[in-house]
Amino acid sequence: MSKMKNWMMDIEEFCDGYFYGSDQPDFTVDFTAEEVAEDAQSFFNSKMAGDHAKEYVTKTLEAL
C-alpha cells in the first residue's frame, strides 16, 4: 500500500510543477488536464499514471 501511495504522490508532485513552476505573476493556465495526463503517462510509462494525473489536475483546477 505504501508503494502505491508514494507513486501517486510522485505523480501529484509532477503535476504540481505545472502550477508552481510558472514565473508569471498572475496565475494563467497554459495547459489542459489532457496535456498533463499525456506528459505523466509518458514520464511514468503507465496509463494509470495518466489517469491519476488527469483526475488530480481536474480537481486542482476546480479548486482555483
C-alpha atoms as a PDB file:
ATOM      1  CA  MET A   1       0.000   0.000   0.000  1.00  0.00           C
ATOM      2  CA  SER A   2       2.737   2.470   0.842  1.00  0.00           C
ATOM      3  CA  LYS A   3       4.475   1.968  -2.518  1.00  0.00           C
ATOM      4  CA  MET A   4       1.238   2.812  -4.329  1.00  0.00           C
ATOM      5  CA  LYS A   5       0.709   5.886  -2.154  1.00  0.00           C
ATOM      6  CA  ASN A   6       4.256   7.081  -2.818  1.00  0.00           C
ATOM      7  CA  TRP A   7       3.790   6.516  -6.550  1.00  0.00           C
ATOM      8  CA  MET A   8       0.569   8.536  -6.547  1.00  0.00           C
ATOM      9  CA  MET A   9       2.254  11.307  -4.591  1.00  0.00           C
ATOM     10  CA  ASP A  10       5.081  11.338  -7.157  1.00  0.00           C
ATOM     11  CA  ILE A  11       2.500  11.835  -9.907  1.00  0.00           C
ATOM     12  CA  GLU A  12       0.841  14.651  -7.966  1.00  0.00           C
ATOM     13  CA  GLU A  13       4.215  16.303  -7.412  1.00  0.00           C
ATOM     14  CA  PHE A  14       4.891  16.014 -11.150  1.00  0.00           C
ATOM     15  CA  CYS A  15       1.568  17.750 -11.833  1.00  0.00           C
ATOM     16  CA  ASP A  16       2.262  20.452  -9.245  1.00  0.00           C
ATOM     17  CA  GLY A  17       5.246  21.505 -11.329  1.00  0.00           C
ATOM     18  CA  TYR A  18       2.816  22.803 -13.930  1.00  0.00           C
ATOM     19  CA  PHE A  19       1.242  25.114 -11.366  1.00  0.00           C
ATOM     20  CA  TYR A  20       4.197  26.275  -9.296  1.00  0.00           C
ATOM     21  CA  GLY A  21       6.913  26.366 -11.937  1.00  0.00           C
ATOM     22  CA  SER A  22       5.463  29.442 -13.571  1.00  0.00           C
ATOM     23  CA  ASP A  23       7.306  32.769 -13.469  1.00  0.00           C
ATOM     24  CA  GLN A  24       4.125  34.625 -14.345  1.00  0.00           C
ATOM     25  CA  PRO A  25       2.874  36.959 -11.595  1.00  0.00           C
ATOM     26  CA  ASP A  26      -0.781  36.290 -12.357  1.00  0.00           C
ATOM     27  CA  PHE A  27      -1.981  32.723 -12.449  1.00  0.00           C
ATOM     28  CA  THR A  28      -2.769  31.714 -16.016  1.00  0.00           C
ATOM     29  CA  VAL A  29      -3.242  28.164 -17.131  1.00  0.00           C
ATOM     30  CA  ASP A  30      -1.422  27.384 -20.366  1.00  0.00           C
ATOM     31  CA  PHE A  31      -2.228  23.669 -20.400  1.00  0.00           C
ATOM     32  CA  THR A  32      -5.136  21.280 -20.251  1.00  0.00           C
ATOM     33  CA  ALA A  33      -5.664  18.312 -17.980  1.00  0.00           C
ATOM     34  CA  GLU A  34      -5.294  16.074 -21.036  1.00  0.00           C
ATOM     35  CA  GLU A  35      -1.866  17.528 -21.857  1.00  0.00           C
ATOM     36  CA  VAL A  36      -0.622  16.987 -18.321  1.00  0.00           C
ATOM     37  CA  ALA A  37      -2.039  13.445 -18.352  1.00  0.00           C
ATOM     38  CA  GLU A  38      -0.192  12.657 -21.587  1.00  0.00           C
ATOM     39  CA  ASP A  39       3.056  14.007 -20.140  1.00  0.00           C
ATOM     40  CA  ALA A  40       2.601  11.999 -16.939  1.00  0.00           C
ATOM     41  CA  GLN A  41       1.796   8.867 -18.921  1.00  0.00           C
ATOM     42  CA  SER A  42       4.978   9.311 -20.949  1.00  0.00           C
ATOM     43  CA  PHE A  43       7.126  10.184 -17.940  1.00  0.00           C
ATOM     44  CA  PHE A  44       5.947   7.305 -15.736  1.00  0.00           C
ATOM     45  CA  ASN A  45       5.405   4.859 -18.628  1.00  0.00           C
ATOM     46  CA  SER A  46       1.958   3.984 -17.325  1.00  0.00           C
ATOM     47  CA  LYS A  47      -1.591   4.665 -18.482  1.00  0.00           C
ATOM     48  CA  MET A  48      -2.710   4.588 -14.856  1.00  0.00           C
ATOM     49  CA  ALA A  49      -0.322   7.473 -14.151  1.00  0.00           C
ATOM     50  CA  GLY A  50      -2.006   9.478 -16.891  1.00  0.00           C
ATOM     51  CA  ASP A  51      -5.438   8.692 -15.494  1.00  0.00           C
ATOM     52  CA  HIS A  52      -4.444   9.757 -11.989  1.00  0.00           C
ATOM     53  CA  ALA A  53      -2.767  12.918 -13.293  1.00  0.00           C
ATOM     54  CA  LYS A  54      -5.887  13.910 -15.231  1.00  0.00           C
ATOM     55  CA  GLU A  55      -8.083  13.376 -12.170  1.00  0.00           C
ATOM     56  CA  TYR A  56      -5.679  15.295  -9.933  1.00  0.00           C
ATOM     57  CA  VAL A  57      -5.292  18.260 -12.307  1.00  0.00           C
ATOM     58  CA  THR A  58      -9.044  18.473 -12.906  1.00  0.00           C
ATOM     59  CA  LYS A  59      -9.663  18.511  -9.145  1.00  0.00           C
ATOM     60  CA  THR A  60      -6.918  21.128  -8.637  1.00  0.00           C
ATOM     61  CA  LEU A  61      -8.200  23.413 -11.386  1.00  0.00           C
ATOM     62  CA  GLU A  62     -11.729  23.268  -9.970  1.00  0.00           C
ATOM     63  CA  ALA A  63     -10.391  24.375  -6.591  1.00  0.00           C
ATOM     64  CA  LEU A  64      -8.833  27.540  -8.040  1.00  0.00           C
END
